[in-house]
Amino acid sequence: MRSRGLVVLAGMIALVLATGVGAARVVPRRGGPGPEKVAADYLAAWGTGSFTRMEKLVANAPANFASQHRSLSRGLLVTSIDLRPGRLTRTGPDHAQLDFMVSRELSGHGTWSFRSVLRLGKVDGRWRVLWSPATLYPGLKGMGSWRIRQIEVPALTLTDRDGRALPEGGSLEPYVGELAARLATGEEEPDAGEDEDDPTPWAIELQDGGGPVQRVKLFGGGKGRKIRTTVDRRVQAAAERAVQDAPGEAAIVALRPSTGEVLAVADGLGGRGAFLGLYAPGSTFKVVTAAALLGDGMSAEGKADCPATVVTAQRTIRNHDGKPVGQASLRDAFAQSCNTAFARLAVERLKADKLAASARDLGFGEPITPGVPASRGSFPEPDGGAELAEAAIGQGRVQASPLMMAVVAGAVADGTWRSPRMVEARLIRRAGDPIRPSHAVPDAAALRAMMRAVVTGGTAAGARLPPGMGGKTGTAEVGSGEPSHAWFIGYRGDLAFSVFVQGGGSGPKVAVPVAAAFLRRARQAR
């Protein structure tokens, strides 16, 4: 594999990193070179295909490190690679990350480019690359099986909501490829001899470990009929940037509550995890529990005392930070994300059937059909009081995708639950997917007031979030000693969103700042 543009690569890396253009200034450090030098050396070695040099810079490189790179290059007929560094950001005293663009020339098929992140950390006192398969391709979890093949589909051109070209090189591409394939099933095949000048399209396909084959990029093909998606380029760009800067694998889904239109999908989870991944929603699920309590006649000012620990249904529940709030109203308990209050109220007042009904009302267990496959939220009816206590705080067997929780935020914001969609509803139906009818969300005004309290005086206060918004933080325990997932869902005007950072540790400390960065960029772009 030859290396295009590598003559200037090392100098360009040094220039970008040393001049501080979107990067940190190089400062010599004791105990070996700093992250800037390690990152530059790693990209330079990668550009020349020197896997041995790369491995020396990696902390605990896997045995199949080189074969994972070769699998991609051979499967996609890569003839050259170009690596262009962006800015290096210190994410802590012992951690940093470098954004970079990678472009590969594929024999006879053009260039495949996308953005990725190189993560670095101090190991035994020295800076090293913290490599994972996601360094090779965002969201990749294991040994990927890659191929490029011709596909027989009618030509379609998908555009953004304004009829302009969709952004390339970002995490939206797998969704666009899948959407185009599904919409094409309802299109008529061209007659023999028609569009002879249009080449047959090619697709990059990836099988991550033993998972399903996913289409991550389309090349060529005729332009065909134009179909507008609901994607807003400016919101998409803001979401992509925020996910790239997140301290870990993250996803943001943004939608328009008044219509259900999906405005942005930024996915660093891989495998279309923003739509298909299922994770414990943690305290973001308290929106569902609060809706059930309000529907049962409890007011936002009703008593919801919050001790540090409570035993209910023989299950010990603790607040995430281990601290009590004391005497509190339902609004206060919600704003401070009080596990003990919500678990006890669910067991002693709601019972399983009422919480399950609230979950169904907000979409759990029901199909959501945005135009590409999406997992429905999971709320198995609790078997006993202990499971009910866990379910009320988004733990136990409750699961949701980032898309699902964005839909929940949008339903509260607008007062109407709407099925999310990436194209017109008629096109989704024509592709064979049913769309659940819209319906009113009872007590939405009270829920909005409670979500605003989270931002003004609760767990999301002090994060420089824009005025006029509401939200709910979540820190979802995973178990087995793994770090908790970080969540934040919210809305502002006619924009609702979900932020998820896998293994992020803390919703207030990790997901909320990611959301603040996303909202700030989205506002600046308008």
Protein backbone atom coordinates (compact mmCIF):
# COMPACT_ATOMS: atom_id res chain seq x y z
CA MET A 1 0.00 0.00 0.00
CA ARG A 2 1.57 3.28 -1.01
CA SER A 3 1.36 6.39 1.18
CA ARG A 4 0.03 9.50 -0.49
CA GLY A 5 0.90 12.84 1.04
CA LEU A 6 3.21 11.40 3.67
CA VAL A 7 6.17 13.51 2.66
CA VAL A 8 4.52 16.47 4.30
CA LEU A 9 2.61 14.59 6.99
CA ALA A 10 5.21 14.69 9.75
CA GLY A 11 5.95 18.36 9.15
CA MET A 12 2.25 19.20 9.05
CA ILE A 13 1.64 17.39 12.32
CA ALA A 14 4.54 19.21 13.96
CA LEU A 15 3.32 22.56 12.63
CA VAL A 16 -0.26 22.06 13.83
CA LEU A 17 0.74 20.79 17.22
CA ALA A 18 3.55 23.25 17.86
CA THR A 19 1.80 26.42 16.69
CA GLY A 20 -1.29 25.75 18.79
CA VAL A 21 -3.64 25.98 15.80
CA GLY A 22 -6.49 24.07 17.38
CA ALA A 23 -3.97 22.21 19.53
CA ALA A 24 -1.96 22.35 22.69
CA ARG A 25 1.57 23.83 22.74
CA VAL A 26 4.36 21.28 22.90
CA VAL A 27 5.90 21.32 26.37
CA PRO A 28 8.73 18.92 27.19
CA ARG A 29 7.81 16.68 30.08
CA ARG A 30 9.70 14.50 32.46
CA GLY A 31 9.25 10.78 31.96
CA GLY A 32 9.26 10.80 28.16
CA PRO A 33 7.59 12.83 25.41
CA GLY A 34 4.23 14.49 25.92
CA PRO A 35 0.97 13.50 24.24
CA GLU A 36 1.60 15.84 21.31
CA LYS A 37 4.80 14.03 20.31
CA VAL A 38 3.32 10.58 20.91
CA ALA A 39 0.28 11.42 18.77
CA ALA A 40 2.46 12.82 15.97
CA ASP A 41 4.74 9.77 16.01
CA TYR A 42 1.79 7.40 16.01
CA LEU A 43 0.09 9.02 12.99
CA ALA A 44 3.39 9.18 11.12
CA ALA A 45 3.99 5.46 11.73
CA TRP A 46 0.41 4.64 10.74
CA GLY A 47 0.78 6.61 7.55
CA THR A 48 3.78 4.50 6.49
CA GLY A 49 2.16 1.23 7.56
CA SER A 50 4.75 0.60 10.30
CA PHE A 51 2.64 -1.44 12.69
CA THR A 52 5.67 -2.36 14.79
CA ARG A 53 6.40 1.31 15.51
CA MET A 54 2.72 1.93 16.20
CA GLU A 55 2.54 -0.94 18.71
CA LYS A 56 5.47 0.47 20.66
CA LEU A 57 3.44 3.62 21.27
CA VAL A 58 0.29 1.75 22.36
CA ALA A 59 -0.51 0.71 25.91
CA ASN A 60 -1.35 -3.01 25.97
CA ALA A 61 -1.76 -3.46 22.22
CA PRO A 62 -3.83 -6.58 21.41
CA ALA A 63 -2.16 -9.57 19.75
CA ASN A 64 -4.15 -8.96 16.56
CA PHE A 65 -3.32 -5.23 16.40
CA ALA A 66 -1.66 -5.42 12.97
CA SER A 67 -4.15 -7.92 11.55
CA GLN A 68 -7.07 -5.61 12.40
CA HIS A 69 -5.49 -2.88 10.27
CA ARG A 70 -4.65 -5.30 7.46
CA SER A 71 -8.18 -6.72 7.46
CA LEU A 72 -9.61 -3.30 6.65
CA SER A 73 -7.00 -2.48 4.01
CA ARG A 74 -7.32 -5.80 2.21
CA GLY A 75 -11.09 -6.03 2.46
CA LEU A 76 -11.58 -2.56 0.96
CA LEU A 77 -8.69 -2.64 -1.54
CA VAL A 78 -6.99 0.36 0.08
CA THR A 79 -4.17 1.78 -2.04
CA SER A 80 -3.17 4.78 0.11
CA ILE A 81 -3.94 6.47 3.40
CA ASP A 82 -3.78 10.14 4.39
CA LEU A 83 -3.96 11.19 8.05
CA ARG A 84 -4.59 14.81 8.92
CA PRO A 85 -4.42 15.82 12.60
CA GLY A 86 -6.81 18.30 14.14
CA ARG A 87 -6.59 19.70 17.63
CA LEU A 88 -5.24 17.95 20.67
CA THR A 89 -7.28 18.47 23.82
CA ARG A 90 -6.23 17.72 27.38
CA THR A 91 -9.20 15.97 29.01
CA GLY A 92 -7.46 15.64 32.37
CA PRO A 93 -3.99 15.65 33.91
CA ASP A 94 -3.33 12.15 32.57
CA HIS A 95 -5.59 12.01 29.52
CA ALA A 96 -5.74 13.71 26.13
CA GLN A 97 -7.33 13.15 22.75
CA LEU A 98 -6.50 14.17 19.19
CA ASP A 99 -9.14 14.62 16.50
CA PHE A 100 -7.99 13.53 13.07
CA MET A 101 -9.29 12.96 9.56
CA VAL A 102 -8.39 9.73 7.79
CA SER A 103 -8.80 9.37 4.02
CA ARG A 104 -8.29 6.08 2.19
CA GLU A 105 -8.08 5.64 -1.55
CA LEU A 106 -10.01 2.53 -2.54
CA SER A 107 -8.87 0.93 -5.78
CA GLY A 108 -11.26 2.00 -8.51
CA HIS A 109 -13.87 3.41 -6.13
CA GLY A 110 -12.65 6.80 -4.95
CA THR A 111 -11.86 8.16 -1.50
CA TRP A 112 -13.40 7.17 1.80
CA SER A 113 -12.92 9.80 4.51
CA PHE A 114 -14.14 10.15 8.05
CA ARG A 115 -13.19 11.76 11.33
CA SER A 116 -11.94 9.81 14.31
CA VAL A 117 -10.33 10.33 17.70
CA LEU A 118 -6.96 9.18 19.01
CA ARG A 119 -7.12 8.79 22.78
CA LEU A 120 -3.99 9.02 24.92
CA GLY A 121 -3.20 8.54 28.58
CA LYS A 122 -0.38 8.17 31.05
CA VAL A 123 0.52 4.56 31.74
CA ASP A 124 3.32 3.87 34.22
CA GLY A 125 4.26 7.54 34.03
CA ARG A 126 4.57 7.72 30.22
CA TRP A 127 2.14 8.93 27.60
CA ARG A 128 0.76 6.13 25.44
CA VAL A 129 -1.97 5.67 22.85
CA LEU A 130 -5.03 4.09 24.48
CA TRP A 131 -5.89 2.03 21.44
CA SER A 132 -9.17 0.25 20.81
CA PRO A 133 -10.82 -0.89 17.56
CA ALA A 134 -12.74 2.41 17.64
CA THR A 135 -9.45 4.16 16.79
CA LEU A 136 -9.53 2.31 13.48
CA TYR A 137 -13.19 3.09 12.81
CA PRO A 138 -15.50 4.99 15.22
CA GLY A 139 -17.61 2.66 17.31
CA LEU A 140 -15.87 -0.54 16.19
CA LYS A 141 -15.91 -3.02 19.07
CA GLY A 142 -14.01 -6.07 17.85
CA MET A 143 -12.31 -7.65 14.86
CA GLY A 144 -14.08 -6.16 11.87
CA SER A 145 -14.74 -8.00 8.66
CA TRP A 146 -14.72 -5.53 5.76
CA ARG A 147 -15.73 -5.74 2.13
CA ILE A 148 -16.70 -3.52 -0.77
CA ARG A 149 -19.24 -4.85 -3.25
CA GLN A 150 -21.65 -3.79 -5.94
CA ILE A 151 -25.27 -3.47 -4.93
CA GLU A 152 -28.37 -3.53 -7.10
CA VAL A 153 -30.68 -0.75 -5.95
CA PRO A 154 -32.51 2.00 -7.83
CA ALA A 155 -30.63 5.28 -7.76
CA LEU A 156 -31.62 7.72 -5.02
CA THR A 157 -30.04 10.91 -3.77
CA LEU A 158 -30.75 11.81 -0.16
CA THR A 159 -30.38 15.46 0.83
CA ASP A 160 -30.72 17.46 4.03
CA ARG A 161 -33.98 19.17 4.93
CA ASP A 162 -33.12 22.15 2.68
CA GLY A 163 -32.28 20.04 -0.38
CA ARG A 164 -28.52 20.36 0.01
CA ALA A 165 -25.99 17.55 0.02
CA LEU A 166 -25.70 15.65 3.28
CA PRO A 167 -22.38 15.95 5.13
CA GLU A 168 -19.84 13.23 4.40
CA GLY A 169 -17.17 11.71 6.58
CA GLY A 170 -19.22 11.74 9.77
CA SER A 171 -21.09 9.21 11.85
CA LEU A 172 -24.36 9.96 10.03
CA GLU A 173 -23.22 8.00 6.96
CA PRO A 174 -24.23 4.50 8.15
CA TYR A 175 -27.73 5.81 8.81
CA VAL A 176 -27.91 7.44 5.38
CA GLY A 177 -26.73 4.25 3.67
CA GLU A 178 -29.31 2.13 5.46
CA LEU A 179 -32.06 4.68 4.84
CA ALA A 180 -31.26 4.82 1.11
CA ALA A 181 -31.36 1.03 0.87
CA ARG A 182 -34.72 0.79 2.63
CA LEU A 183 -36.31 3.60 0.62
CA ALA A 184 -35.01 2.06 -2.60
CA THR A 185 -37.07 -1.08 -1.98
CA GLY A 186 -40.15 0.89 -2.89
CA GLU A 187 -38.62 2.38 -6.04
CA GLU A 188 -39.06 0.96 -9.50
CA GLU A 189 -36.02 -0.61 -11.14
CA PRO A 190 -34.89 1.26 -14.27
CA ASP A 191 -35.64 -0.33 -17.64
CA ALA A 192 -32.84 -2.22 -19.36
CA GLY A 193 -30.63 0.26 -21.15
CA GLU A 194 -31.91 3.17 -19.08
CA ASP A 195 -29.32 5.33 -17.30
CA GLU A 196 -26.51 3.42 -18.99
CA ASP A 197 -24.07 6.17 -18.09
CA ASP A 198 -24.78 5.73 -14.38
CA PRO A 199 -22.37 3.27 -12.78
CA THR A 200 -23.68 0.56 -10.50
CA PRO A 201 -23.30 1.72 -6.88
CA TRP A 202 -20.80 0.14 -4.52
CA ALA A 203 -21.15 -0.22 -0.76
CA ILE A 204 -18.64 -0.56 2.08
CA GLU A 205 -19.97 -3.20 4.44
CA LEU A 206 -18.75 -4.05 7.93
CA GLN A 207 -19.43 -6.98 10.20
CA ASP A 208 -18.26 -6.12 13.69
CA GLY A 209 -17.32 -9.39 15.37
CA GLY A 210 -20.29 -11.71 15.06
CA GLY A 211 -22.82 -8.91 14.67
CA PRO A 212 -25.01 -8.13 11.67
CA VAL A 213 -23.56 -6.75 8.44
CA GLN A 214 -23.97 -2.99 8.29
CA ARG A 215 -23.59 -0.70 5.33
CA VAL A 216 -21.35 2.24 6.28
CA LYS A 217 -20.78 4.03 2.95
CA LEU A 218 -22.20 4.15 -0.59
CA PHE A 219 -20.17 5.06 -3.68
CA GLY A 220 -21.24 5.88 -7.20
CA GLY A 221 -24.56 5.10 -8.83
CA GLY A 222 -26.83 7.49 -10.65
CA LYS A 223 -28.27 10.49 -8.93
CA GLY A 224 -31.84 9.30 -9.45
CA ARG A 225 -34.74 10.82 -7.57
CA LYS A 226 -33.96 13.30 -4.80
CA ILE A 227 -35.46 12.63 -1.39
CA ARG A 228 -35.17 15.16 1.40
CA THR A 229 -34.37 13.87 4.84
CA THR A 230 -35.15 15.75 8.04
CA VAL A 231 -31.47 16.28 8.88
CA ASP A 232 -30.40 19.86 9.67
CA ARG A 233 -26.77 20.31 8.59
CA ARG A 234 -26.04 22.90 11.29
CA VAL A 235 -27.48 20.85 14.13
CA GLN A 236 -25.72 17.76 12.76
CA ALA A 237 -22.37 19.56 12.69
CA ALA A 238 -22.86 20.76 16.28
CA ALA A 239 -23.70 17.24 17.43
CA GLU A 240 -20.73 15.68 15.60
CA ARG A 241 -18.32 18.16 17.17
CA ALA A 242 -19.69 17.59 20.67
CA VAL A 243 -19.44 13.81 20.30
CA GLN A 244 -15.87 14.05 19.01
CA ASP A 245 -14.92 16.13 22.05
CA ALA A 246 -16.70 13.84 24.53
CA PRO A 247 -14.48 11.95 26.98
CA GLY A 248 -15.42 8.53 25.64
CA GLU A 249 -17.69 6.85 23.13
CA ALA A 250 -20.83 8.96 22.95
CA ALA A 251 -23.98 9.66 20.97
CA ILE A 252 -26.33 12.60 20.49
CA VAL A 253 -29.76 12.39 18.92
CA ALA A 254 -31.67 15.63 18.33
CA LEU A 255 -35.22 15.98 17.04
CA ARG A 256 -38.02 18.49 16.58
CA PRO A 257 -40.71 17.85 19.21
CA SER A 258 -43.50 19.50 17.19
CA THR A 259 -43.08 17.08 14.27
CA GLY A 260 -40.88 14.17 15.38
CA GLU A 261 -38.34 15.02 12.69
CA VAL A 262 -34.82 13.79 13.49
CA LEU A 263 -32.49 16.77 13.09
CA ALA A 264 -29.17 15.12 13.94
CA VAL A 265 -27.60 11.77 14.74
CA ALA A 266 -23.99 11.83 15.94
CA ASP A 267 -22.90 8.33 16.85
CA GLY A 268 -19.54 7.36 18.30
CA LEU A 269 -20.92 4.06 19.59
CA GLY A 270 -20.72 2.14 16.32
CA GLY A 271 -23.20 -0.31 14.84
CA ARG A 272 -25.82 2.46 14.63
CA GLY A 273 -25.84 2.30 18.41
CA ALA A 274 -27.70 5.62 18.78
CA PHE A 275 -30.78 3.83 17.38
CA LEU A 276 -30.09 0.15 18.01
CA GLY A 277 -28.10 0.14 21.26
CA LEU A 278 -29.99 -0.57 24.48
CA TYR A 279 -28.67 0.71 27.79
CA ALA A 280 -29.99 1.27 31.29
CA PRO A 281 -31.39 4.83 31.20
CA GLY A 282 -30.72 5.48 34.88
CA SER A 283 -32.34 8.56 36.35
CA THR A 284 -33.50 9.91 32.98
CA PHE A 285 -36.26 7.29 33.41
CA LYS A 286 -37.54 9.30 36.38
CA VAL A 287 -39.37 11.37 33.75
CA VAL A 288 -41.50 8.27 33.15
CA THR A 289 -41.91 7.58 36.88
CA ALA A 290 -42.79 11.21 37.57
CA ALA A 291 -45.42 11.09 34.81
CA ALA A 292 -46.93 8.02 36.47
CA LEU A 293 -47.00 9.71 39.89
CA LEU A 294 -48.61 12.87 38.49
CA GLY A 295 -51.15 10.73 36.64
CA ASP A 296 -51.95 8.97 39.91
CA GLY A 297 -52.97 12.28 41.45
CA MET A 298 -49.76 13.35 43.16
CA SER A 299 -48.83 17.00 42.72
CA ALA A 300 -45.37 18.37 42.06
CA GLU A 301 -45.51 19.84 45.58
CA GLY A 302 -46.46 16.51 47.14
CA LYS A 303 -44.28 15.07 49.88
CA ALA A 304 -41.31 13.02 48.59
CA ASP A 305 -38.76 12.88 51.40
CA CYS A 306 -35.26 11.93 50.34
CA PRO A 307 -33.03 10.13 52.86
CA ALA A 308 -29.58 8.95 51.80
CA THR A 309 -30.70 5.31 51.98
CA VAL A 310 -34.06 3.58 52.07
CA VAL A 311 -35.17 -0.04 52.33
CA THR A 312 -38.33 -0.75 50.35
CA ALA A 313 -39.67 -4.17 49.40
CA GLN A 314 -36.57 -5.64 51.05
CA ARG A 315 -34.37 -3.78 48.55
CA THR A 316 -31.82 -1.23 49.75
CA ILE A 317 -31.75 1.86 47.52
CA ARG A 318 -29.10 4.56 47.85
CA ASN A 319 -28.74 7.96 46.30
CA HIS A 320 -25.99 8.13 43.73
CA ASP A 321 -23.87 10.57 45.73
CA GLY A 322 -24.78 8.94 49.05
CA LYS A 323 -26.23 12.19 50.39
CA PRO A 324 -29.74 12.97 51.69
CA VAL A 325 -31.91 15.84 50.50
CA GLY A 326 -34.17 15.57 53.54
CA GLN A 327 -37.73 16.84 53.49
CA ALA A 328 -38.59 17.45 49.86
CA SER A 329 -41.39 17.84 47.37
CA LEU A 330 -41.70 15.68 44.26
CA ARG A 331 -40.26 18.57 42.24
CA ASP A 332 -37.26 18.83 44.61
CA ALA A 333 -36.66 15.07 44.56
CA PHE A 334 -36.77 15.10 40.77
CA ALA A 335 -34.44 18.09 40.50
CA GLN A 336 -31.91 16.49 42.86
CA SER A 337 -32.41 13.05 41.24
CA CYS A 338 -33.33 11.36 44.50
CA ASN A 339 -33.28 7.58 44.06
CA THR A 340 -34.69 6.84 47.50
CA ALA A 341 -37.80 8.97 47.05
CA PHE A 342 -38.68 7.62 43.62
CA ALA A 343 -38.08 3.98 44.51
CA ARG A 344 -40.22 4.19 47.65
CA LEU A 345 -43.04 6.10 45.94
CA ALA A 346 -43.14 3.55 43.12
CA VAL A 347 -43.39 0.62 45.53
CA GLU A 348 -45.74 2.17 48.08
CA ARG A 349 -47.98 4.20 45.78
CA LEU A 350 -47.75 3.31 42.10
CA LYS A 351 -47.42 -0.47 41.86
CA ALA A 352 -46.12 -2.14 38.71
CA ASP A 353 -49.16 -1.73 36.44
CA LYS A 354 -49.25 2.07 36.68
CA LEU A 355 -45.53 2.47 36.02
CA ALA A 356 -45.76 0.05 33.08
CA ALA A 357 -48.67 2.07 31.64
CA SER A 358 -46.65 5.29 31.90
CA ALA A 359 -43.70 3.61 30.17
CA ARG A 360 -45.92 2.45 27.29
CA ASP A 361 -47.43 5.91 26.99
CA LEU A 362 -43.95 7.39 26.47
CA GLY A 363 -42.98 4.73 23.93
CA PHE A 364 -41.39 1.87 25.86
CA GLY A 365 -42.24 -1.52 24.42
CA GLU A 366 -43.80 0.05 21.32
CA PRO A 367 -42.20 0.12 17.86
CA ILE A 368 -40.47 3.30 16.77
CA THR A 369 -39.86 3.54 13.03
CA PRO A 370 -37.72 6.53 12.00
CA GLY A 371 -36.98 5.05 8.54
CA VAL A 372 -34.10 2.80 9.60
CA PRO A 373 -34.15 -0.04 12.14
CA ALA A 374 -34.44 1.17 15.75
CA SER A 375 -34.78 -0.71 19.02
CA ARG A 376 -37.88 -0.16 21.06
CA GLY A 377 -37.34 0.72 24.69
CA SER A 378 -37.63 -2.23 27.04
CA PHE A 379 -39.74 -2.19 30.21
CA PRO A 380 -40.44 -5.77 31.35
CA GLU A 381 -43.20 -5.67 33.96
CA PRO A 382 -41.45 -5.87 37.35
CA ASP A 383 -41.66 -9.16 39.19
CA GLY A 384 -42.16 -7.98 42.73
CA GLY A 385 -41.42 -4.87 44.74
CA ALA A 386 -37.63 -5.12 44.58
CA GLU A 387 -37.64 -5.07 40.77
CA LEU A 388 -40.19 -2.25 40.82
CA ALA A 389 -37.91 -0.15 43.04
CA GLU A 390 -35.04 -0.61 40.57
CA ALA A 391 -37.22 0.00 37.50
CA ALA A 392 -38.51 3.30 38.92
CA ILE A 393 -34.97 4.73 38.79
CA GLY A 394 -34.12 3.29 35.36
CA GLN A 395 -32.14 0.30 36.58
CA GLY A 396 -32.78 -3.43 36.64
CA ARG A 397 -34.18 -4.67 33.34
CA VAL A 398 -35.19 -1.26 31.95
CA GLN A 399 -33.35 -0.40 28.74
CA ALA A 400 -33.48 2.40 26.17
CA SER A 401 -31.57 3.75 23.20
CA PRO A 402 -30.38 7.35 22.89
CA LEU A 403 -33.10 7.79 20.24
CA MET A 404 -35.74 6.47 22.64
CA MET A 405 -34.77 8.94 25.36
CA ALA A 406 -34.70 11.85 22.89
CA VAL A 407 -38.28 10.89 21.99
CA VAL A 408 -39.22 10.97 25.69
CA ALA A 409 -37.74 14.47 26.05
CA GLY A 410 -39.53 15.61 22.90
CA ALA A 411 -42.86 14.25 24.11
CA VAL A 412 -42.62 16.23 27.34
CA ALA A 413 -41.45 19.38 25.53
CA ASP A 414 -44.39 19.41 23.08
CA GLY A 415 -47.02 17.68 25.18
CA THR A 416 -47.54 15.14 22.40
CA TRP A 417 -45.74 11.84 21.83
CA ARG A 418 -44.72 11.56 18.18
CA SER A 419 -42.95 8.79 16.35
CA PRO A 420 -39.49 9.96 15.22
CA ARG A 421 -38.80 10.08 11.50
CA MET A 422 -35.90 10.84 9.15
CA VAL A 423 -38.08 11.28 6.02
CA GLU A 424 -41.73 11.90 5.25
CA ALA A 425 -44.08 9.50 7.00
CA ARG A 426 -45.54 8.24 3.71
CA LEU A 427 -42.10 7.05 2.59
CA ILE A 428 -41.63 5.13 5.83
CA ARG A 429 -45.00 3.44 5.38
CA ARG A 430 -44.20 2.62 1.76
CA ALA A 431 -41.01 0.91 2.92
CA GLY A 432 -43.21 -1.36 5.05
CA ASP A 433 -42.86 0.19 8.51
CA PRO A 434 -45.96 1.06 10.58
CA ILE A 435 -45.99 4.39 12.37
CA ARG A 436 -47.50 4.60 15.83
CA PRO A 437 -50.15 7.37 16.01
CA SER A 438 -49.37 10.51 17.98
CA HIS A 439 -51.07 11.04 21.34
CA ALA A 440 -51.20 13.62 24.10
CA VAL A 441 -48.94 13.32 27.14
CA PRO A 442 -50.92 13.99 30.33
CA ASP A 443 -49.39 16.41 32.83
CA ALA A 444 -46.73 17.53 30.34
CA ALA A 445 -46.77 21.09 31.72
CA ALA A 446 -45.96 19.87 35.23
CA LEU A 447 -43.20 17.63 33.85
CA ARG A 448 -41.68 20.58 31.99
CA ALA A 449 -41.62 22.62 35.20
CA MET A 450 -39.84 19.75 36.97
CA MET A 451 -37.28 19.44 34.13
CA ARG A 452 -36.64 23.18 34.29
CA ALA A 453 -35.94 22.82 38.02
CA VAL A 454 -33.18 20.32 37.19
CA VAL A 455 -31.40 23.02 35.16
CA THR A 456 -32.07 26.02 37.39
CA GLY A 457 -31.35 24.47 40.78
CA GLY A 458 -30.82 20.74 40.46
CA THR A 459 -28.22 18.30 39.18
CA ALA A 460 -27.64 20.25 35.93
CA ALA A 461 -27.34 23.69 37.53
CA GLY A 462 -24.14 25.63 37.01
CA ALA A 463 -23.31 23.97 33.69
CA ARG A 464 -23.80 27.12 31.57
CA LEU A 465 -26.79 25.64 29.81
CA PRO A 466 -28.79 28.14 27.75
CA PRO A 467 -31.79 29.84 29.37
CA GLY A 468 -35.29 28.51 28.90
CA MET A 469 -34.48 24.83 28.78
CA GLY A 470 -35.36 21.77 30.82
CA GLY A 471 -33.56 18.49 31.27
CA LYS A 472 -32.91 15.38 33.32
CA THR A 473 -29.57 13.86 34.24
CA GLY A 474 -28.91 10.15 34.54
CA THR A 475 -26.09 8.01 35.89
CA ALA A 476 -26.85 4.38 35.05
CA GLU A 477 -25.05 1.66 36.97
CA VAL A 478 -23.81 -1.19 34.81
CA GLY A 479 -22.47 -3.65 37.38
CA SER A 480 -19.45 -5.94 37.43
CA GLY A 481 -17.24 -3.03 38.43
CA GLU A 482 -17.70 -1.25 35.09
CA PRO A 483 -18.09 2.54 35.03
CA SER A 484 -21.62 3.89 34.94
CA HIS A 485 -23.17 5.31 31.78
CA ALA A 486 -23.71 9.08 31.68
CA TRP A 487 -26.98 10.53 30.34
CA PHE A 488 -28.61 13.90 29.87
CA ILE A 489 -31.88 14.47 28.05
CA GLY A 490 -33.56 17.80 27.53
CA TYR A 491 -35.25 20.36 25.36
CA ARG A 492 -35.09 24.02 24.46
CA GLY A 493 -37.78 25.52 22.27
CA ASP A 494 -38.51 23.16 19.38
CA LEU A 495 -35.34 21.13 19.91
CA ALA A 496 -35.18 18.00 22.05
CA PHE A 497 -32.12 15.84 22.51
CA SER A 498 -30.47 12.95 24.24
CA VAL A 499 -26.78 12.80 25.19
CA PHE A 500 -25.26 9.43 26.11
CA VAL A 501 -21.63 8.72 27.05
CA GLN A 502 -20.92 5.02 27.40
CA GLY A 503 -19.03 4.37 30.64
CA GLY A 504 -18.89 8.14 31.22
CA GLY A 505 -19.31 7.73 34.96
CA SER A 506 -21.58 10.69 35.80
CA GLY A 507 -24.50 12.33 34.06
CA PRO A 508 -24.05 15.73 35.73
CA LYS A 509 -20.26 15.78 35.40
CA VAL A 510 -19.87 14.27 31.92
CA ALA A 511 -23.07 14.23 29.86
CA VAL A 512 -24.28 17.70 30.87
CA PRO A 513 -21.08 19.47 29.67
CA VAL A 514 -21.32 17.57 26.37
CA ALA A 515 -24.91 18.78 26.00
CA ALA A 516 -23.89 22.35 26.84
CA ALA A 517 -21.23 22.28 24.12
CA PHE A 518 -23.72 20.86 21.62
CA LEU A 519 -26.38 23.47 22.38
CA ARG A 520 -23.86 26.32 22.30
CA ARG A 521 -22.64 25.29 18.83
CA ALA A 522 -26.18 24.72 17.57
CA ARG A 523 -27.16 28.24 18.66
CA GLN A 524 -24.08 29.82 17.10
CA ALA A 525 -24.78 28.10 13.79
CA ARG A 526 -28.25 29.57 13.44
